[in-house]
Amino acid sequence: MKRFYSHPIHRPGGFTLIEVLVSVLILAIGLLGLAGLQLAGLQNNQSALLRSQATMIAYDIGDKLRATPEGDLATLVSDWNDDMTSQLPEGEGDVVRNGTVYTITVNWRDDRSGGLQEFQMSLIP
């Protein structure tokens, strides 16, 4: 008895090397984009932290001015500036009195968002 073997039809049985390389390339581009988003988020969070600290520092001197309206402004501002330099990079502050209105200005360096930043508020004690 003779057996006849038929040749099986060749079907693709997996991925080709080109498909794998294209998939790896697409995955790498996606991961690089995700890393870029993470970096941008980190920079924005650091800038937001510095701005929040500057706001709290300005409100701190505002509370001190309200608590002691006849206090020595030069001593108050000097102590306040010493605290500021320890909390903000290149932090500087200024309080200017014009009649009954105080203008409080806080400056600091934020290299991540483009150099010098400023926060300013007015206060009527």
C-alpha atoms as a PDB file:
ATOM      1  CA  MET A   1       0.000   0.000   0.000  1.00  0.00           C
ATOM      2  CA  LYS A   2       1.364   3.322  -1.077  1.00  0.00           C
ATOM      3  CA  ARG A   3       0.843   6.371   0.946  1.00  0.00           C
ATOM      4  CA  PHE A   4       0.630   9.720  -0.616  1.00  0.00           C
ATOM      5  CA  TYR A   5       1.794  12.551   1.527  1.00  0.00           C
ATOM      6  CA  SER A   6       0.383  15.852   0.730  1.00  0.00           C
ATOM      7  CA  HIS A   7       2.506  18.850   1.351  1.00  0.00           C
ATOM      8  CA  PRO A   8       0.945  21.099   3.928  1.00  0.00           C
ATOM      9  CA  ILE A   9       0.186  24.611   2.849  1.00  0.00           C
ATOM     10  CA  HIS A  10       2.696  26.960   4.431  1.00  0.00           C
ATOM     11  CA  ARG A  11       1.019  29.412   6.764  1.00  0.00           C
ATOM     12  CA  PRO A  12       2.825  32.206   8.593  1.00  0.00           C
ATOM     13  CA  GLY A  13       3.418  30.979  12.091  1.00  0.00           C
ATOM     14  CA  GLY A  14       4.554  34.125  13.945  1.00  0.00           C
ATOM     15  CA  PHE A  15       5.952  37.595  13.753  1.00  0.00           C
ATOM     16  CA  THR A  16       8.635  38.630  11.380  1.00  0.00           C
ATOM     17  CA  LEU A  17      11.702  40.509  12.504  1.00  0.00           C
ATOM     18  CA  ILE A  18      10.501  43.718  10.850  1.00  0.00           C
ATOM     19  CA  GLU A  19       7.212  43.638  12.739  1.00  0.00           C
ATOM     20  CA  VAL A  20       9.059  43.172  16.028  1.00  0.00           C
ATOM     21  CA  LEU A  21      11.440  46.055  15.266  1.00  0.00           C
ATOM     22  CA  VAL A  22       8.563  48.383  14.349  1.00  0.00           C
ATOM     23  CA  SER A  23       6.732  47.454  17.567  1.00  0.00           C
ATOM     24  CA  VAL A  24       9.848  48.117  19.664  1.00  0.00           C
ATOM     25  CA  LEU A  25      10.347  51.479  17.922  1.00  0.00           C
ATOM     26  CA  ILE A  26       6.748  52.549  18.612  1.00  0.00           C
ATOM     27  CA  LEU A  27       7.063  51.456  22.241  1.00  0.00           C
ATOM     28  CA  ALA A  28      10.356  53.360  22.653  1.00  0.00           C
ATOM     29  CA  ILE A  29       8.847  56.564  21.239  1.00  0.00           C
ATOM     30  CA  GLY A  30       5.879  56.238  23.588  1.00  0.00           C
ATOM     31  CA  LEU A  31       8.119  55.703  26.610  1.00  0.00           C
ATOM     32  CA  LEU A  32      10.256  58.725  25.687  1.00  0.00           C
ATOM     33  CA  GLY A  33       7.114  60.835  25.472  1.00  0.00           C
ATOM     34  CA  LEU A  34       5.997  59.592  28.869  1.00  0.00           C
ATOM     35  CA  ALA A  35       9.403  60.420  30.363  1.00  0.00           C
ATOM     36  CA  GLY A  36       9.137  63.941  28.922  1.00  0.00           C
ATOM     37  CA  LEU A  37       5.731  64.395  30.528  1.00  0.00           C
ATOM     38  CA  GLN A  38       7.106  63.240  33.869  1.00  0.00           C
ATOM     39  CA  LEU A  39       9.982  65.721  33.628  1.00  0.00           C
ATOM     40  CA  ALA A  40       7.665  68.613  32.751  1.00  0.00           C
ATOM     41  CA  GLY A  41       5.400  67.696  35.653  1.00  0.00           C
ATOM     42  CA  LEU A  42       8.327  67.629  38.059  1.00  0.00           C
ATOM     43  CA  GLN A  43       9.506  71.062  36.915  1.00  0.00           C
ATOM     44  CA  ASN A  44       6.026  72.544  37.256  1.00  0.00           C
ATOM     45  CA  ASN A  45       5.595  71.045  40.721  1.00  0.00           C
ATOM     46  CA  GLN A  46       8.882  72.572  41.893  1.00  0.00           C
ATOM     47  CA  SER A  47       7.886  75.983  40.529  1.00  0.00           C
ATOM     48  CA  ALA A  48       4.482  75.720  42.212  1.00  0.00           C
ATOM     49  CA  LEU A  49       6.162  74.828  45.520  1.00  0.00           C
ATOM     50  CA  LEU A  50       8.386  77.909  45.347  1.00  0.00           C
ATOM     51  CA  ARG A  51       5.411  80.138  44.494  1.00  0.00           C
ATOM     52  CA  SER A  52       3.445  78.700  47.423  1.00  0.00           C
ATOM     53  CA  GLN A  53       6.360  79.334  49.770  1.00  0.00           C
ATOM     54  CA  ALA A  54       6.656  82.918  48.510  1.00  0.00           C
ATOM     55  CA  THR A  55       2.937  83.441  49.110  1.00  0.00           C
ATOM     56  CA  MET A  56       3.165  82.066  52.651  1.00  0.00           C
ATOM     57  CA  ILE A  57       6.203  84.268  53.359  1.00  0.00           C
ATOM     58  CA  ALA A  58       4.333  87.360  52.141  1.00  0.00           C
ATOM     59  CA  TYR A  59       1.286  86.512  54.257  1.00  0.00           C
ATOM     60  CA  ASP A  60       3.584  85.901  57.239  1.00  0.00           C
ATOM     61  CA  ILE A  61       4.963  89.439  57.168  1.00  0.00           C
ATOM     62  CA  GLY A  62       1.428  90.707  56.544  1.00  0.00           C
ATOM     63  CA  ASP A  63       0.235  88.996  59.725  1.00  0.00           C
ATOM     64  CA  LYS A  64       3.176  90.463  61.662  1.00  0.00           C
ATOM     65  CA  LEU A  65       2.356  93.943  60.336  1.00  0.00           C
ATOM     66  CA  ARG A  66      -1.281  93.547  61.390  1.00  0.00           C
ATOM     67  CA  ALA A  67      -0.260  92.302  64.836  1.00  0.00           C
ATOM     68  CA  THR A  68       2.143  95.191  65.477  1.00  0.00           C
ATOM     69  CA  PRO A  69       1.146  98.157  63.309  1.00  0.00           C
ATOM     70  CA  GLU A  70       3.358 100.577  65.263  1.00  0.00           C
ATOM     71  CA  GLY A  71       6.266  98.098  65.371  1.00  0.00           C
ATOM     72  CA  ASP A  72       9.723  98.858  64.029  1.00  0.00           C
ATOM     73  CA  LEU A  73       9.338  98.120  60.317  1.00  0.00           C
ATOM     74  CA  ALA A  74      13.095  97.934  59.662  1.00  0.00           C
ATOM     75  CA  THR A  75      13.641  95.230  62.331  1.00  0.00           C
ATOM     76  CA  LEU A  76      10.564  93.301  61.214  1.00  0.00           C
ATOM     77  CA  VAL A  77      11.657  93.307  57.576  1.00  0.00           C
ATOM     78  CA  SER A  78      15.252  92.429  58.432  1.00  0.00           C
ATOM     79  CA  ASP A  79      14.182  89.323  60.387  1.00  0.00           C
ATOM     80  CA  TRP A  80      11.727  88.457  57.633  1.00  0.00           C
ATOM     81  CA  ASN A  81      14.433  88.715  54.942  1.00  0.00           C
ATOM     82  CA  ASP A  82      16.707  86.406  56.958  1.00  0.00           C
ATOM     83  CA  ASP A  83      13.937  83.789  57.043  1.00  0.00           C
ATOM     84  CA  MET A  84      13.256  84.253  53.346  1.00  0.00           C
ATOM     85  CA  THR A  85      16.817  83.590  52.209  1.00  0.00           C
ATOM     86  CA  SER A  86      16.700  80.198  53.940  1.00  0.00           C
ATOM     87  CA  GLN A  87      13.384  79.226  52.318  1.00  0.00           C
ATOM     88  CA  LEU A  88      13.685  80.533  48.753  1.00  0.00           C
ATOM     89  CA  PRO A  89      16.610  80.406  46.318  1.00  0.00           C
ATOM     90  CA  GLU A  90      18.049  83.923  46.158  1.00  0.00           C
ATOM     91  CA  GLY A  91      14.964  85.103  48.048  1.00  0.00           C
ATOM     92  CA  GLU A  92      14.601  88.821  48.650  1.00  0.00           C
ATOM     93  CA  GLY A  93      11.709  90.793  49.990  1.00  0.00           C
ATOM     94  CA  ASP A  94      10.677  94.364  50.429  1.00  0.00           C
ATOM     95  CA  VAL A  95       7.929  96.115  52.354  1.00  0.00           C
ATOM     96  CA  VAL A  96       7.021  99.668  51.345  1.00  0.00           C
ATOM     97  CA  ARG A  97       4.610 101.792  53.339  1.00  0.00           C
ATOM     98  CA  ASN A  98       2.568 104.424  51.555  1.00  0.00           C
ATOM     99  CA  GLY A  99       0.255 106.037  54.097  1.00  0.00           C
ATOM    100  CA  THR A 100      -1.757 103.164  55.540  1.00  0.00           C
ATOM    101  CA  VAL A 101      -1.089 100.769  52.670  1.00  0.00           C
ATOM    102  CA  TYR A 102       1.803  98.323  52.769  1.00  0.00           C
ATOM    103  CA  THR A 103       3.087  96.814  49.517  1.00  0.00           C
ATOM    104  CA  ILE A 104       4.850  93.489  50.065  1.00  0.00           C
ATOM    105  CA  THR A 105       7.120  92.157  47.321  1.00  0.00           C
ATOM    106  CA  VAL A 106       8.868  88.781  47.295  1.00  0.00           C
ATOM    107  CA  ASN A 107      11.481  87.909  44.635  1.00  0.00           C
ATOM    108  CA  TRP A 108      13.243  84.578  44.093  1.00  0.00           C
ATOM    109  CA  ARG A 109      15.127  82.656  41.423  1.00  0.00           C
ATOM    110  CA  ASP A 110      13.317  79.809  39.716  1.00  0.00           C
ATOM    111  CA  ASP A 111      15.625  78.367  37.073  1.00  0.00           C
ATOM    112  CA  ARG A 112      13.036  75.806  36.029  1.00  0.00           C
ATOM    113  CA  SER A 113      10.442  78.312  34.930  1.00  0.00           C
ATOM    114  CA  GLY A 114      12.682  81.000  33.538  1.00  0.00           C
ATOM    115  CA  GLY A 115      14.695  83.005  36.034  1.00  0.00           C
ATOM    116  CA  LEU A 116      13.522  85.632  38.497  1.00  0.00           C
ATOM    117  CA  GLN A 117       9.969  85.426  39.782  1.00  0.00           C
ATOM    118  CA  GLU A 118       7.992  87.977  41.764  1.00  0.00           C
ATOM    119  CA  PHE A 119       4.965  87.908  44.042  1.00  0.00           C
ATOM    120  CA  GLN A 120       3.436  91.190  45.136  1.00  0.00           C
ATOM    121  CA  MET A 121       0.503  92.031  47.382  1.00  0.00           C
ATOM    122  CA  SER A 122      -0.956  95.108  49.052  1.00  0.00           C
ATOM    123  CA  LEU A 123      -2.093  95.188  52.660  1.00  0.00           C
ATOM    124  CA  ILE A 124      -4.181  97.609  54.680  1.00  0.00           C
ATOM    125  CA  PRO A 125      -3.758  96.674  58.373  1.00  0.00           C
END
